[in-house]
Amino acid sequence: MINTTSSHSTANAKMQAQDLLDFIDASPSPWHAVHSAEQRLQTAGFSQLHEAEAWQLNAGGSYYVVRGGASIIAFTLGQQALTACGLRMIGAHTDSPGLRLKPKPAYGSDGLIRIGVEVYGGPILATFTDRDLSVAGRVNVRNGSGFDARLLKIEDAVLRLPNLAIHMNREVNDKGLKLNKQTELPLIFGESAAGIAAEQQFMQQLAQQLQVELSDIINFELNVFDTQKGVFWGANQEFIADSQLDNLASCHAALSALITTKNPDATCLCAFFDHEEVGSESTSGASGSFLANIIQRIAAHSRLTDEDRLRALAQSFFISADMAHAYHPNYPSAYEPEHHAMVNRGPVIKTNANQRYATSADSAARFIRLCETAGVPYQQYAHRTDLGCGSTIGPIVSSQLGVASIDIGSPMWAMHSIRESAGVLDHSYMIAVLSALFNS
């Protein structure tokens, strides 16, 4: 493993890390994450395409497509033919584990309004207690002929999940905080107003935020988010903390690499999917047709035959970028002894013999060579054999497309907490190696 920490500017790394925190703080839901990506792509000169419309692609052009509001694919057409060098692709996901509001969430109880939620994915539920929470997502609002999807983000802390006092839960420090998902997760929204239904009070808050009439709201998809902004921390401010580092950090790194790649030889593509945390089985998830459809349309506009498209895929490379488990010195028994991924030591190559990750020896060697080209250190990770291993979009995409693939990620602490931590240098390393892929 090479070690070139000194070749990467700490000042530049901190600028990139701050940009990541800004990106996350502007993206409290998957729909906001796609909107944030769109804004950056448009500023960089990318043009939007719509799946329901005919496409006109220009040589060397840069484009993006949104599906379902929370998934986005962006690409720049390469200078070389697809059959000459294939595609260079990076995949990540826009969703994060947490709490989603039920369709009729508000109800009155003991003079208070509480908000019913469902658990989305596998969050560390205890981390949601005693935090300044709010809601964000999208709301469908009536217009003259149908409805518009409107983004909603309530900046103020309007929700809270107070802990039960230790005097009533004496064993909490010995047995941990356990929350019943149905009865103990409802969030406190406010005091009940006499003569006004709880549901009306909550919906009125949404209407006021959107500046519409309450009767104009049809329905919504909303999640809970932490209103605290991202921060630098540590003796030398070498770490960052924020929500949704898993996996908006990977989205930001891939997006940053794509936007700064000019006139690449190979066609370069980023695919950010929704619903990874719940299995990817949706029209906008990695198991859906989104990526395959976009590649097929790119190939069609290059006038490739089906055989030519398969030849191009055979020369392509896909990086599944998802965060990795950093070594925590307080819990050494949780880790494989020779596979400690350390924060600020570079991207992590994730391997699993049972194909929970898409990494093979060949794809790992190819990624290592990219790290060497970029002057970036790298690390190897395998999960403890007696612990269940998570998975990613990597095996899904690689098996569907038949493309050489690898699973990698930046090391982080407290994965699936409402407040996660990672390293400043690692984000800079990730952007550099993903840029190397697009320029290969």
Protein backbone atom coordinates (compact mmCIF):
# COMPACT_ATOMS: atom_id res chain seq x y z
CA MET A 1 0.00 0.00 0.00
CA ILE A 2 1.34 3.41 -0.91
CA ASN A 3 1.26 6.29 1.50
CA THR A 4 1.16 9.72 -0.10
CA THR A 5 -0.70 11.77 2.50
CA SER A 6 1.79 14.61 2.14
CA SER A 7 0.99 14.98 -1.59
CA HIS A 8 -2.60 16.00 -0.85
CA SER A 9 -3.20 19.54 0.39
CA THR A 10 -4.91 19.64 3.77
CA ALA A 11 -6.33 23.05 2.91
CA ASN A 12 -7.85 21.71 -0.31
CA ALA A 13 -9.17 18.65 1.54
CA LYS A 14 -10.90 20.88 4.06
CA MET A 15 -12.49 22.90 1.27
CA GLN A 16 -13.81 19.70 -0.29
CA ALA A 17 -15.03 18.45 3.09
CA GLN A 18 -16.85 21.74 3.75
CA ASP A 19 -18.47 21.49 0.34
CA LEU A 20 -19.61 17.98 1.29
CA LEU A 21 -21.14 19.24 4.55
CA ASP A 22 -22.93 22.01 2.63
CA PHE A 23 -24.23 19.43 0.15
CA ILE A 24 -25.56 17.20 2.94
CA ASP A 25 -27.11 20.06 4.92
CA ALA A 26 -28.98 21.17 1.79
CA SER A 27 -30.17 17.58 1.20
CA PRO A 28 -32.21 16.34 4.17
CA SER A 29 -34.14 13.84 2.01
CA PRO A 30 -33.41 11.77 -1.13
CA TRP A 31 -35.50 14.20 -3.17
CA HIS A 32 -33.45 17.12 -1.89
CA ALA A 33 -30.23 15.20 -2.65
CA VAL A 34 -31.25 14.83 -6.29
CA HIS A 35 -32.25 18.51 -6.42
CA SER A 36 -28.83 19.49 -5.00
CA ALA A 37 -27.12 17.29 -7.60
CA GLU A 38 -29.24 18.86 -10.37
CA GLN A 39 -28.22 22.36 -9.34
CA ARG A 40 -24.53 21.46 -9.47
CA LEU A 41 -24.88 19.66 -12.79
CA GLN A 42 -26.74 22.57 -14.37
CA THR A 43 -24.09 25.02 -13.17
CA ALA A 44 -21.47 22.77 -14.79
CA GLY A 45 -23.31 22.83 -18.12
CA PHE A 46 -25.16 19.50 -18.01
CA SER A 47 -28.50 19.40 -19.83
CA GLN A 48 -31.57 17.60 -18.51
CA LEU A 49 -33.14 14.76 -20.48
CA HIS A 50 -36.58 13.27 -19.86
CA GLU A 51 -37.31 9.58 -20.28
CA ALA A 52 -40.69 10.24 -21.92
CA GLU A 53 -39.16 12.45 -24.62
CA ALA A 54 -37.00 11.74 -27.67
CA TRP A 55 -33.31 12.39 -27.06
CA GLN A 56 -30.82 14.31 -29.13
CA LEU A 57 -27.29 13.68 -27.87
CA ASN A 58 -24.32 15.69 -29.13
CA ALA A 59 -20.77 14.40 -29.30
CA GLY A 60 -18.97 15.16 -26.05
CA GLY A 61 -22.18 16.41 -24.44
CA SER A 62 -23.07 16.19 -20.76
CA TYR A 63 -26.56 15.20 -19.62
CA TYR A 64 -28.62 13.99 -16.68
CA VAL A 65 -31.90 12.13 -16.17
CA VAL A 66 -34.11 11.97 -13.04
CA ARG A 67 -36.43 9.08 -12.24
CA GLY A 68 -38.94 9.12 -9.39
CA GLY A 69 -37.59 12.37 -8.00
CA ALA A 70 -34.99 10.61 -5.84
CA SER A 71 -32.74 8.85 -8.39
CA ILE A 72 -30.50 10.53 -10.94
CA ILE A 73 -28.06 9.43 -13.65
CA ALA A 74 -25.59 11.91 -15.14
CA PHE A 75 -23.13 11.24 -17.95
CA THR A 76 -20.59 12.84 -20.26
CA LEU A 77 -20.13 11.28 -23.70
CA GLY A 78 -16.54 10.24 -24.35
CA GLN A 79 -14.30 11.22 -27.24
CA GLN A 80 -13.82 7.57 -28.15
CA ALA A 81 -16.49 5.19 -29.39
CA LEU A 82 -18.22 3.03 -26.78
CA THR A 83 -16.88 -0.08 -28.49
CA ALA A 84 -13.34 1.25 -28.15
CA CYS A 85 -13.21 1.63 -24.37
CA GLY A 86 -16.65 1.09 -22.87
CA LEU A 87 -18.04 3.16 -20.01
CA ARG A 88 -16.56 4.31 -16.72
CA MET A 89 -19.35 4.20 -14.14
CA ILE A 90 -19.82 5.03 -10.45
CA GLY A 91 -22.91 4.09 -8.47
CA ALA A 92 -24.09 5.29 -5.06
CA HIS A 93 -27.40 5.85 -3.27
CA THR A 94 -29.37 8.90 -2.21
CA ASP A 95 -31.37 7.39 0.66
CA SER A 96 -30.30 6.94 4.27
CA PRO A 97 -31.84 4.88 7.08
CA GLY A 98 -34.13 6.78 9.42
CA LEU A 99 -37.76 7.56 10.15
CA ARG A 100 -40.49 8.17 7.55
CA LEU A 101 -43.84 9.77 8.36
CA LYS A 102 -46.97 7.67 7.96
CA PRO A 103 -49.62 8.93 5.47
CA LYS A 104 -51.83 10.18 8.33
CA PRO A 105 -49.17 10.79 10.97
CA ALA A 106 -50.65 13.21 13.50
CA TYR A 107 -52.83 12.24 16.44
CA GLY A 108 -53.77 13.84 19.74
CA SER A 109 -52.84 12.21 23.04
CA ASP A 110 -52.86 13.64 26.57
CA GLY A 111 -52.95 17.24 25.37
CA LEU A 112 -50.06 16.71 22.93
CA ILE A 113 -49.80 16.07 19.20
CA ARG A 114 -47.63 13.13 18.27
CA ILE A 115 -46.36 12.13 14.83
CA GLY A 116 -46.42 8.47 13.82
CA VAL A 117 -43.42 7.18 11.90
CA GLU A 118 -42.20 4.03 10.19
CA VAL A 119 -38.63 2.81 10.45
CA TYR A 120 -36.89 3.05 7.07
CA GLY A 121 -33.96 0.68 6.68
CA GLY A 122 -31.77 -0.05 9.67
CA PRO A 123 -31.06 3.14 11.66
CA ILE A 124 -29.58 3.19 15.17
CA LEU A 125 -32.86 4.27 16.72
CA ALA A 126 -31.42 5.38 20.06
CA THR A 127 -29.48 8.15 18.27
CA PHE A 128 -32.75 9.86 17.30
CA THR A 129 -33.61 10.62 20.93
CA ASP A 130 -33.09 14.11 22.37
CA ARG A 131 -32.18 15.62 18.99
CA ASP A 132 -33.54 18.76 17.31
CA LEU A 133 -35.61 17.13 14.59
CA SER A 134 -37.69 18.34 11.67
CA VAL A 135 -39.29 17.04 8.48
CA ALA A 136 -38.27 17.17 4.82
CA GLY A 137 -39.30 15.55 1.57
CA ARG A 138 -41.82 16.19 -1.16
CA VAL A 139 -45.48 17.20 -1.12
CA ASN A 140 -47.92 16.83 -4.01
CA VAL A 141 -49.97 20.01 -4.44
CA ARG A 142 -52.97 20.47 -6.71
CA ASN A 143 -52.68 22.72 -9.76
CA GLY A 144 -55.14 23.54 -12.52
CA SER A 145 -54.77 20.29 -14.42
CA GLY A 146 -53.20 17.86 -11.97
CA PHE A 147 -50.54 18.28 -9.32
CA ASP A 148 -46.99 19.47 -8.76
CA ALA A 149 -44.37 17.82 -6.58
CA ARG A 150 -42.97 20.47 -4.22
CA LEU A 151 -39.89 20.07 -2.06
CA LEU A 152 -40.43 20.78 1.64
CA LYS A 153 -37.83 21.42 4.32
CA ILE A 154 -38.89 22.89 7.66
CA GLU A 155 -35.73 24.57 8.95
CA ASP A 156 -36.89 24.90 12.58
CA ALA A 157 -36.82 22.02 15.05
CA VAL A 158 -40.49 21.02 15.22
CA LEU A 159 -40.16 17.42 16.42
CA ARG A 160 -38.46 15.65 19.30
CA LEU A 161 -38.18 12.17 20.79
CA PRO A 162 -37.43 12.79 24.49
CA ASN A 163 -35.76 10.01 26.42
CA LEU A 164 -37.45 8.43 29.40
CA ALA A 165 -35.77 9.67 32.58
CA ILE A 166 -33.25 7.27 34.09
CA HIS A 167 -35.35 7.19 37.27
CA MET A 168 -37.93 5.23 35.27
CA ASN A 169 -35.45 3.20 33.23
CA ARG A 170 -32.74 2.26 35.72
CA GLU A 171 -31.13 -0.39 33.47
CA VAL A 172 -30.67 1.80 30.40
CA ASN A 173 -26.90 2.12 30.92
CA ASP A 174 -26.47 -1.62 31.41
CA LYS A 175 -28.87 -3.02 28.82
CA GLY A 176 -28.99 -0.16 26.33
CA LEU A 177 -31.90 1.92 25.09
CA LYS A 178 -34.56 -0.20 23.39
CA LEU A 179 -37.50 1.48 21.69
CA ASN A 180 -40.73 -0.20 20.69
CA LYS A 181 -41.17 0.83 17.07
CA GLN A 182 -44.93 1.27 17.34
CA THR A 183 -45.50 2.74 20.79
CA GLU A 184 -42.27 4.51 21.73
CA LEU A 185 -41.16 6.10 18.45
CA PRO A 186 -43.97 8.64 17.86
CA LEU A 187 -42.44 12.12 17.94
CA ILE A 188 -43.80 15.06 19.93
CA PHE A 189 -44.94 17.84 17.61
CA GLY A 190 -46.69 20.28 19.91
CA GLU A 191 -49.59 20.99 22.21
CA SER A 192 -53.13 20.25 21.06
CA ALA A 193 -55.22 23.30 20.22
CA ALA A 194 -58.78 23.25 21.50
CA GLY A 195 -61.31 22.41 18.83
CA ILE A 196 -58.72 21.71 16.10
CA ALA A 197 -57.89 18.13 15.06
CA ALA A 198 -54.27 17.06 15.39
CA GLU A 199 -54.10 16.13 11.71
CA GLN A 200 -55.34 19.58 10.71
CA GLN A 201 -52.76 21.30 12.92
CA PHE A 202 -49.93 19.30 11.37
CA MET A 203 -51.11 19.70 7.79
CA GLN A 204 -51.56 23.43 8.35
CA GLN A 205 -47.87 23.63 9.21
CA LEU A 206 -47.03 22.04 5.86
CA ALA A 207 -49.40 24.38 4.01
CA GLN A 208 -47.84 27.44 5.64
CA GLN A 209 -44.35 26.31 4.71
CA LEU A 210 -45.37 25.77 1.10
CA GLN A 211 -47.56 28.90 1.03
CA VAL A 212 -50.56 26.97 -0.29
CA GLU A 213 -54.05 26.29 0.94
CA LEU A 214 -54.41 23.24 3.16
CA SER A 215 -57.03 21.84 0.78
CA ASP A 216 -54.49 21.96 -2.06
CA ILE A 217 -52.25 19.34 -0.46
CA ILE A 218 -52.93 15.87 -1.87
CA ASN A 219 -50.29 13.74 -0.12
CA PHE A 220 -46.62 13.62 0.79
CA GLU A 221 -43.45 11.58 1.31
CA LEU A 222 -41.58 13.00 4.30
CA ASN A 223 -38.71 11.86 6.46
CA VAL A 224 -37.30 13.05 9.77
CA PHE A 225 -33.94 14.85 9.77
CA ASP A 226 -31.58 16.37 12.31
CA THR A 227 -31.45 20.15 12.06
CA GLN A 228 -27.87 20.35 13.41
CA LYS A 229 -25.43 21.31 10.68
CA GLY A 230 -22.32 19.36 9.80
CA VAL A 231 -19.12 20.23 11.65
CA PHE A 232 -15.38 19.64 11.71
CA TRP A 233 -14.08 18.09 14.92
CA GLY A 234 -10.91 16.66 16.46
CA ALA A 235 -7.70 18.13 17.85
CA ASN A 236 -6.74 19.37 14.38
CA GLN A 237 -10.25 19.45 12.92
CA GLU A 238 -9.33 16.34 10.97
CA PHE A 239 -12.75 14.70 11.22
CA ILE A 240 -16.25 15.63 10.08
CA ALA A 241 -19.65 14.81 11.59
CA ASP A 242 -23.05 15.05 9.93
CA SER A 243 -26.10 13.00 9.11
CA GLN A 244 -26.31 10.96 5.90
CA LEU A 245 -22.57 10.57 5.30
CA ASP A 246 -23.79 7.12 4.33
CA ASN A 247 -24.16 7.61 1.48
CA LEU A 248 -24.29 11.25 0.38
CA ALA A 249 -20.52 11.44 0.85
CA SER A 250 -20.11 8.94 -1.99
CA CYS A 251 -22.65 10.81 -4.14
CA HIS A 252 -20.80 14.08 -3.57
CA ALA A 253 -17.39 12.57 -4.34
CA ALA A 254 -18.61 10.96 -7.58
CA LEU A 255 -20.46 14.11 -8.62
CA SER A 256 -17.38 16.26 -7.92
CA ALA A 257 -15.26 13.91 -10.02
CA LEU A 258 -17.69 13.89 -12.96
CA ILE A 259 -18.19 17.66 -13.05
CA THR A 260 -14.45 18.33 -13.16
CA THR A 261 -13.74 15.70 -15.85
CA LYS A 262 -13.39 17.44 -19.21
CA ASN A 263 -13.26 15.74 -22.62
CA PRO A 264 -12.78 12.16 -21.34
CA ASP A 265 -11.89 9.38 -23.77
CA ALA A 266 -14.50 7.01 -22.32
CA THR A 267 -18.14 7.85 -21.64
CA CYS A 268 -18.33 8.65 -17.91
CA LEU A 269 -21.48 8.07 -15.86
CA CYS A 270 -22.74 8.51 -12.29
CA ALA A 271 -25.86 6.67 -11.11
CA PHE A 272 -27.36 7.62 -7.74
CA PHE A 273 -30.23 5.34 -6.74
CA ASP A 274 -33.01 5.54 -4.18
CA HIS A 275 -34.11 2.63 -1.93
CA GLU A 276 -30.72 0.98 -1.39
CA GLU A 277 -31.32 0.85 2.35
CA VAL A 278 -34.48 -1.24 1.85
CA GLY A 279 -33.29 -3.64 -0.85
CA SER A 280 -33.27 -1.61 -4.10
CA GLU A 281 -36.43 -3.34 -5.41
CA SER A 282 -38.20 -0.41 -7.05
CA THR A 283 -38.44 1.42 -10.37
CA SER A 284 -35.89 3.95 -9.11
CA GLY A 285 -33.72 1.46 -7.21
CA ALA A 286 -30.60 -0.31 -8.45
CA SER A 287 -32.64 -3.47 -9.10
CA GLY A 288 -34.87 -1.54 -11.48
CA SER A 289 -34.26 -0.81 -15.14
CA PHE A 290 -33.02 2.77 -14.79
CA LEU A 291 -29.31 2.27 -15.48
CA ALA A 292 -29.80 -0.39 -18.16
CA ASN A 293 -32.35 1.85 -19.92
CA ILE A 294 -29.97 4.83 -19.95
CA ILE A 295 -27.07 2.77 -21.29
CA GLN A 296 -29.31 1.31 -23.98
CA ARG A 297 -30.39 4.79 -25.09
CA ILE A 298 -26.80 6.06 -25.14
CA ALA A 299 -25.86 3.06 -27.27
CA ALA A 300 -28.84 3.63 -29.58
CA HIS A 301 -27.79 7.23 -30.21
CA SER A 302 -24.32 5.96 -31.06
CA ARG A 303 -26.06 3.65 -33.56
CA LEU A 304 -24.67 0.55 -31.90
CA THR A 305 -26.12 -2.86 -32.57
CA ASP A 306 -27.04 -5.10 -29.63
CA GLU A 307 -23.76 -6.92 -30.16
CA ASP A 308 -21.83 -3.64 -30.12
CA ARG A 309 -23.53 -2.61 -26.86
CA LEU A 310 -22.53 -5.90 -25.26
CA ARG A 311 -18.98 -5.42 -26.54
CA ALA A 312 -18.94 -1.99 -24.91
CA LEU A 313 -20.20 -3.37 -21.58
CA ALA A 314 -17.50 -6.04 -21.68
CA GLN A 315 -14.91 -3.22 -21.67
CA SER A 316 -16.66 -1.16 -19.00
CA PHE A 317 -15.90 -0.77 -15.31
CA PHE A 318 -18.33 -0.04 -12.47
CA ILE A 319 -17.40 1.28 -9.02
CA SER A 320 -20.00 0.82 -6.30
CA ALA A 321 -19.15 3.62 -3.86
CA ASP A 322 -20.66 3.14 -0.41
CA MET A 323 -19.22 3.98 2.98
CA ALA A 324 -17.03 1.49 4.86
CA HIS A 325 -16.68 0.52 8.53
CA ALA A 326 -13.78 2.34 10.17
CA TYR A 327 -11.93 0.65 13.01
CA HIS A 328 -13.22 1.76 16.42
CA PRO A 329 -10.52 1.31 19.11
CA ASN A 330 -13.14 0.90 21.87
CA TYR A 331 -14.54 -2.22 20.20
CA PRO A 332 -11.59 -4.26 18.84
CA SER A 333 -13.53 -7.53 19.03
CA ALA A 334 -15.99 -6.29 16.38
CA TYR A 335 -13.35 -6.39 13.63
CA GLU A 336 -11.39 -8.90 11.61
CA PRO A 337 -7.86 -8.68 13.14
CA GLU A 338 -5.90 -7.98 9.94
CA HIS A 339 -8.53 -5.77 8.29
CA HIS A 340 -8.71 -2.56 10.29
CA ALA A 341 -9.84 0.29 8.02
CA MET A 342 -8.48 3.46 9.59
CA VAL A 343 -9.93 6.94 9.20
CA ASN A 344 -7.88 9.30 7.01
CA ARG A 345 -5.88 6.42 5.52
CA GLY A 346 -7.60 6.24 2.14
CA PRO A 347 -10.42 4.41 0.30
CA VAL A 348 -11.40 0.94 1.48
CA ILE A 349 -11.65 -2.03 -0.90
CA LYS A 350 -14.48 -4.20 0.43
CA THR A 351 -14.33 -7.97 -0.16
CA ASN A 352 -16.73 -10.77 0.73
CA ALA A 353 -16.37 -14.39 -0.38
CA ASN A 354 -20.16 -14.81 -0.46
CA GLN A 355 -20.56 -11.99 -3.01
CA ARG A 356 -22.19 -9.48 -0.68
CA TYR A 357 -19.72 -7.12 -2.35
CA ALA A 358 -18.92 -7.15 -6.08
CA THR A 359 -15.13 -7.07 -5.63
CA SER A 360 -12.97 -9.64 -7.41
CA ALA A 361 -9.18 -9.93 -7.48
CA ASP A 362 -9.13 -8.42 -10.97
CA SER A 363 -11.40 -5.49 -10.16
CA ALA A 364 -9.44 -4.82 -6.95
CA ALA A 365 -6.17 -4.80 -8.90
CA ARG A 366 -7.66 -2.33 -11.34
CA PHE A 367 -8.77 -0.05 -8.51
CA ILE A 368 -5.36 -0.30 -6.83
CA ARG A 369 -3.76 0.86 -10.05
CA LEU A 370 -6.15 3.83 -10.11
CA CYS A 371 -5.12 4.69 -6.54
CA GLU A 372 -1.47 4.55 -7.57
CA THR A 373 -2.17 6.83 -10.53
CA ALA A 374 -3.97 9.31 -8.28
CA GLY A 375 -1.35 9.15 -5.53
CA VAL A 376 -3.94 7.89 -3.06
CA PRO A 377 -3.45 5.32 -0.27
CA TYR A 378 -5.87 2.41 -0.09
CA GLN A 379 -7.00 -0.18 2.45
CA GLN A 380 -8.50 -3.68 2.41
CA TYR A 381 -11.56 -4.68 4.44
CA ALA A 382 -13.29 -7.96 5.21
CA HIS A 383 -16.03 -8.40 7.81
CA ARG A 384 -15.66 -10.75 10.76
CA THR A 385 -16.64 -14.24 9.66
CA ASP A 386 -19.04 -14.69 12.58
CA LEU A 387 -20.91 -11.44 11.91
CA GLY A 388 -23.47 -10.85 9.17
CA CYS A 389 -22.15 -8.64 6.37
CA GLY A 390 -24.16 -5.85 4.79
CA SER A 391 -24.45 -5.48 1.03
CA THR A 392 -24.56 -2.73 -1.58
CA ILE A 393 -25.77 -1.99 -5.09
CA GLY A 394 -22.51 -3.47 -6.41
CA PRO A 395 -23.62 -7.11 -6.80
CA ILE A 396 -26.98 -5.98 -8.20
CA VAL A 397 -25.57 -3.78 -10.95
CA SER A 398 -22.67 -6.07 -11.85
CA SER A 399 -24.92 -9.10 -12.23
CA GLN A 400 -27.53 -7.21 -14.27
CA LEU A 401 -25.08 -5.59 -16.68
CA GLY A 402 -22.32 -8.20 -16.73
CA VAL A 403 -19.75 -5.49 -16.02
CA ALA A 404 -16.50 -5.80 -14.07
CA SER A 405 -17.23 -4.17 -10.70
CA ILE A 406 -15.78 -3.35 -7.30
CA ASP A 407 -17.16 -2.20 -3.95
CA ILE A 408 -15.24 0.58 -2.23
CA GLY A 409 -15.94 3.34 0.28
CA SER A 410 -14.51 5.88 2.67
CA PRO A 411 -14.10 4.65 6.27
CA MET A 412 -16.55 6.07 8.79
CA TRP A 413 -17.71 5.68 12.38
CA ALA A 414 -21.28 5.22 13.63
CA MET A 415 -22.77 4.05 10.34
CA HIS A 416 -26.59 4.42 10.40
CA SER A 417 -26.51 6.79 13.36
CA ILE A 418 -28.32 10.09 12.93
CA ARG A 419 -24.87 11.65 13.49
CA GLU A 420 -22.03 9.89 11.62
CA SER A 421 -18.31 10.70 11.47
CA ALA A 422 -15.57 10.38 8.85
CA GLY A 423 -12.17 11.79 7.88
CA VAL A 424 -11.39 15.02 6.05
CA LEU A 425 -8.53 13.54 4.03
CA ASP A 426 -10.53 10.46 3.05
CA HIS A 427 -13.07 12.52 1.15
CA SER A 428 -10.31 14.23 -0.80
CA TYR A 429 -8.73 10.84 -1.55
CA MET A 430 -12.06 9.51 -2.80
CA ILE A 431 -12.62 12.42 -5.18
CA ALA A 432 -9.07 11.99 -6.54
CA VAL A 433 -9.36 8.27 -7.27
CA LEU A 434 -12.83 8.60 -8.82
CA SER A 435 -11.45 11.37 -11.03
CA ALA A 436 -8.67 8.98 -12.02
CA LEU A 437 -11.31 6.44 -13.11
CA PHE A 438 -13.05 8.98 -15.36
CA ASN A 439 -9.74 9.96 -16.92
CA SER A 440 -8.63 6.37 -17.51
